[in-house]
Amino acid sequence: MTRPLTIAIDGPAAAGKGTLAKRVAQHYGLPYLDTGLLYRAVGKLAAEAGGDLDDAEAMAAIAARLDTSHLDDGTLRGHEAGELASRVAVHPKVRDALTAFQRGFATSEAGAVLDGRDIGTVICPEAQVKIFVTASAEVRARRRTDELLAKGRDVDYARILAEVKERDARDAGRSVAPLRPADDAHLLDTSELGIEAAFRAACDVIDRSLANPDDD
């Protein structure tokens, strides 16, 4: 019996992995989970409650109570929520609480596309296809700046670039599930690619992997 198709898409902030993952899920008819929303929801709930984001036990308790209804908050995709997510994600107990949620989604009989920072390395190491989406820090900072300017926000590119680099260092340097490509992940640099070109490149990778599973 053929097991359901699981596609893991990882990468740093503003590399385009979320948009790409949604397109891929729609194209292949698979359920989609933006795993970063889980951590954003924990961080936002903690901040709203006046909690200490450095308190691992308190953050783990919030993570254990999380359910899918908490993921419908549109503000979770904002820059501030992203910063909160990176802070709570350093706690091993928070990751333990959310790992089960993600793995349950990934093992659905319908298959799944998950995007995040440790899908291919920790959550779904047996995924049939793993893609690590990246782009230079400068390109990602420009994308984030343009996105915020389009929303009427007053932002400074230099500040955004500094935050991107700081977050990269924090995510890559954490002791638990650091941001890195899985050994068998396909690297996709979107620095010079628009979403359509990136989508076509991702589909090429997926189709080749499914046609030649023993080559990976």
Protein backbone atom coordinates (compact mmCIF):
# COMPACT_ATOMS: atom_id res chain seq x y z
CA MET A 1 0.00 0.00 0.00
CA THR A 2 1.40 3.39 -0.99
CA ARG A 3 1.74 5.72 1.97
CA PRO A 4 0.23 9.20 1.78
CA LEU A 5 2.39 11.91 0.23
CA THR A 6 4.06 14.19 2.76
CA ILE A 7 5.97 17.26 1.56
CA ALA A 8 8.18 19.17 4.01
CA ILE A 9 9.05 22.76 3.12
CA ASP A 10 11.49 24.57 5.40
CA GLY A 11 13.37 27.84 5.36
CA PRO A 12 14.02 31.15 7.12
CA ALA A 13 11.59 34.04 7.43
CA ALA A 14 10.53 35.86 4.24
CA ALA A 15 12.13 33.29 1.93
CA GLY A 16 8.73 32.66 0.35
CA LYS A 17 8.14 29.19 1.77
CA GLY A 18 4.62 29.91 3.04
CA THR A 19 3.28 31.19 -0.26
CA LEU A 20 5.06 28.38 -2.06
CA ALA A 21 3.74 25.70 0.30
CA LYS A 22 0.15 26.86 -0.16
CA ARG A 23 0.52 26.75 -3.94
CA VAL A 24 2.08 23.30 -3.78
CA ALA A 25 -0.67 21.98 -1.52
CA GLN A 26 -3.36 23.30 -3.85
CA HIS A 27 -1.61 21.91 -6.92
CA TYR A 28 -1.24 18.40 -5.49
CA GLY A 29 -4.57 18.40 -3.63
CA LEU A 30 -3.05 18.03 -0.17
CA PRO A 31 -4.02 19.51 3.23
CA TYR A 32 -1.72 22.37 4.27
CA LEU A 33 -0.38 23.43 7.66
CA ASP A 34 1.67 26.56 8.31
CA THR A 35 3.42 25.24 11.42
CA GLY A 36 4.82 28.65 12.25
CA LEU A 37 1.33 29.75 13.20
CA LEU A 38 1.45 27.35 16.14
CA TYR A 39 4.40 29.13 17.67
CA ARG A 40 3.01 32.54 16.75
CA ALA A 41 -0.24 31.65 18.51
CA VAL A 42 1.60 30.57 21.65
CA GLY A 43 3.66 33.75 21.66
CA LYS A 44 0.67 36.00 21.05
CA LEU A 45 -1.49 34.31 23.69
CA ALA A 46 1.36 34.64 26.18
CA ALA A 47 1.95 38.30 25.35
CA GLU A 48 -1.75 39.11 25.61
CA ALA A 49 -1.82 37.48 29.04
CA GLY A 50 1.23 39.42 30.15
CA GLY A 51 3.25 36.24 30.44
CA ASP A 52 7.04 35.94 30.54
CA LEU A 53 8.14 34.53 27.18
CA ASP A 54 11.34 33.32 28.80
CA ASP A 55 9.39 31.15 31.28
CA ALA A 56 9.58 27.71 29.67
CA GLU A 57 7.00 26.09 31.95
CA ALA A 58 4.42 28.83 31.40
CA MET A 59 4.93 28.77 27.64
CA ALA A 60 4.62 24.96 27.56
CA ALA A 61 1.32 25.17 29.44
CA ILE A 62 -0.05 27.56 26.82
CA ALA A 63 1.20 25.30 24.01
CA ALA A 64 -0.52 22.28 25.57
CA ARG A 65 -3.87 24.08 25.50
CA LEU A 66 -3.55 25.26 21.91
CA ASP A 67 -6.12 24.12 19.37
CA THR A 68 -6.82 24.89 15.73
CA SER A 69 -9.27 27.67 16.57
CA HIS A 70 -6.33 29.75 17.78
CA LEU A 71 -4.82 29.69 14.30
CA ASP A 72 -7.59 31.76 12.70
CA ASP A 73 -6.31 35.07 14.08
CA GLY A 74 -5.20 37.15 11.09
CA THR A 75 -2.68 39.08 13.16
CA LEU A 76 -0.62 35.93 13.61
CA ARG A 77 0.98 36.59 10.24
CA GLY A 78 2.26 39.99 11.32
CA HIS A 79 5.88 40.88 11.99
CA GLU A 80 5.42 41.22 15.76
CA ALA A 81 3.88 37.76 16.08
CA GLY A 82 6.83 36.36 14.15
CA GLU A 83 9.26 37.81 16.65
CA LEU A 84 7.24 36.35 19.53
CA ALA A 85 7.23 32.95 17.82
CA SER A 86 10.98 32.84 17.53
CA ARG A 87 11.30 33.56 21.25
CA VAL A 88 8.94 30.84 22.48
CA ALA A 89 10.29 28.30 19.99
CA VAL A 90 13.57 28.05 21.92
CA HIS A 91 11.85 26.18 24.77
CA PRO A 92 12.08 22.37 24.38
CA LYS A 93 8.82 21.78 26.26
CA VAL A 94 6.95 24.11 23.91
CA ARG A 95 8.36 22.23 20.96
CA ASP A 96 7.39 18.89 22.54
CA ALA A 97 3.80 20.06 23.00
CA LEU A 98 3.50 21.24 19.41
CA THR A 99 5.44 18.43 17.77
CA ALA A 100 2.64 15.94 18.45
CA PHE A 101 0.13 18.32 16.86
CA GLN A 102 2.24 18.64 13.73
CA ARG A 103 2.99 14.93 13.40
CA GLY A 104 -0.67 14.11 13.78
CA PHE A 105 -1.46 16.44 10.89
CA ALA A 106 1.38 15.05 8.80
CA THR A 107 0.26 11.44 9.16
CA SER A 108 -3.24 12.09 7.86
CA GLU A 109 -4.40 9.55 5.30
CA ALA A 110 -4.98 12.47 2.92
CA GLY A 111 -1.28 13.36 2.94
CA ALA A 112 0.02 16.79 3.84
CA VAL A 113 2.20 19.76 3.02
CA LEU A 114 3.82 21.37 6.06
CA ASP A 115 6.05 24.40 6.10
CA GLY A 116 8.22 25.59 8.93
CA ARG A 117 11.80 25.50 10.14
CA ASP A 118 12.31 21.89 11.26
CA ILE A 119 9.79 19.88 9.26
CA GLY A 120 12.32 17.88 7.26
CA THR A 121 14.76 17.45 10.14
CA VAL A 122 12.51 16.83 13.17
CA ILE A 123 8.77 16.71 12.47
CA CYS A 124 8.70 14.64 9.26
CA PRO A 125 12.17 13.14 8.70
CA GLU A 126 10.50 10.43 6.58
CA ALA A 127 8.73 12.88 4.25
CA GLN A 128 8.96 11.76 0.64
CA VAL A 129 9.94 15.24 -0.51
CA LYS A 130 11.89 17.88 1.42
CA ILE A 131 12.55 21.37 0.11
CA PHE A 132 14.61 24.03 1.87
CA VAL A 133 13.62 27.45 0.57
CA THR A 134 16.14 30.22 1.09
CA ALA A 135 17.12 33.69 -0.11
CA SER A 136 19.73 36.23 0.92
CA ALA A 137 19.07 38.23 4.09
CA GLU A 138 19.06 41.42 2.02
CA VAL A 139 16.40 40.12 -0.36
CA ARG A 140 14.27 38.82 2.50
CA ALA A 141 14.53 42.12 4.37
CA ARG A 142 13.53 44.02 1.24
CA ARG A 143 10.52 41.75 0.75
CA ARG A 144 9.45 42.24 4.36
CA THR A 145 9.93 46.00 4.13
CA ASP A 146 7.92 46.24 0.91
CA GLU A 147 5.18 44.09 2.43
CA LEU A 148 4.89 46.34 5.48
CA LEU A 149 5.05 49.54 3.42
CA ALA A 150 2.20 48.21 1.27
CA LYS A 151 0.17 47.87 4.45
CA GLY A 152 0.80 51.50 5.32
CA ARG A 153 3.40 50.78 7.99
CA ASP A 154 6.29 53.17 8.63
CA VAL A 155 9.31 50.87 8.49
CA ASP A 156 13.05 51.19 7.97
CA TYR A 157 14.87 48.72 5.70
CA ALA A 158 18.06 48.80 7.77
CA ARG A 159 16.15 47.93 10.94
CA ILE A 160 14.28 45.10 9.20
CA LEU A 161 17.57 43.73 7.82
CA ALA A 162 19.11 43.76 11.28
CA GLU A 163 16.08 41.92 12.68
CA VAL A 164 16.21 39.33 9.89
CA LYS A 165 19.89 38.63 10.59
CA GLU A 166 19.30 38.49 14.34
CA ARG A 167 16.41 36.08 13.92
CA ASP A 168 18.42 33.90 11.53
CA ALA A 169 21.20 33.66 14.10
CA ARG A 170 18.75 32.85 16.89
CA ASP A 171 16.92 30.19 14.88
CA ALA A 172 20.11 28.58 13.56
CA GLY A 173 21.90 28.71 16.90
CA ARG A 174 19.27 27.25 19.20
CA SER A 175 20.15 23.95 20.81
CA VAL A 176 16.85 22.27 19.97
CA ALA A 177 15.85 21.76 16.32
CA PRO A 178 18.02 24.51 14.84
CA LEU A 179 17.15 25.91 11.44
CA ARG A 180 19.10 23.92 8.85
CA PRO A 181 18.39 21.92 5.71
CA ALA A 182 17.81 18.20 6.10
CA ASP A 183 20.66 16.19 4.60
CA ASP A 184 18.37 15.01 1.80
CA ALA A 185 16.54 18.32 1.25
CA HIS A 186 16.48 20.02 -2.12
CA LEU A 187 17.73 23.61 -1.84
CA LEU A 188 15.64 26.26 -3.60
CA ASP A 189 17.11 29.76 -3.59
CA THR A 190 14.39 32.28 -4.39
CA SER A 191 16.62 35.38 -4.28
CA GLU A 192 16.20 35.88 -8.03
CA LEU A 193 12.86 34.09 -8.45
CA GLY A 194 9.31 35.37 -8.48
CA ILE A 195 6.58 33.20 -7.00
CA GLU A 196 5.64 31.61 -10.33
CA ALA A 197 9.23 30.64 -11.12
CA ALA A 198 9.73 29.35 -7.59
CA PHE A 199 6.49 27.34 -7.82
CA ARG A 200 7.56 25.75 -11.12
CA ALA A 201 10.96 24.90 -9.64
CA ALA A 202 9.34 23.31 -6.59
CA CYS A 203 6.97 21.25 -8.74
CA ASP A 204 9.93 20.06 -10.82
CA VAL A 205 11.68 18.89 -7.64
CA ILE A 206 8.55 17.15 -6.36
CA ASP A 207 7.73 15.45 -9.65
CA ARG A 208 11.31 14.21 -10.06
CA SER A 209 11.37 12.92 -6.48
CA LEU A 210 8.11 11.03 -6.93
CA ALA A 211 9.19 9.60 -10.28
CA ASN A 212 12.59 8.52 -8.95
CA PRO A 213 12.19 7.91 -5.18
CA ASP A 214 15.42 5.90 -4.94
CA ASP A 215 17.54 8.79 -6.25
CA ASP A 216 17.16 10.89 -3.10
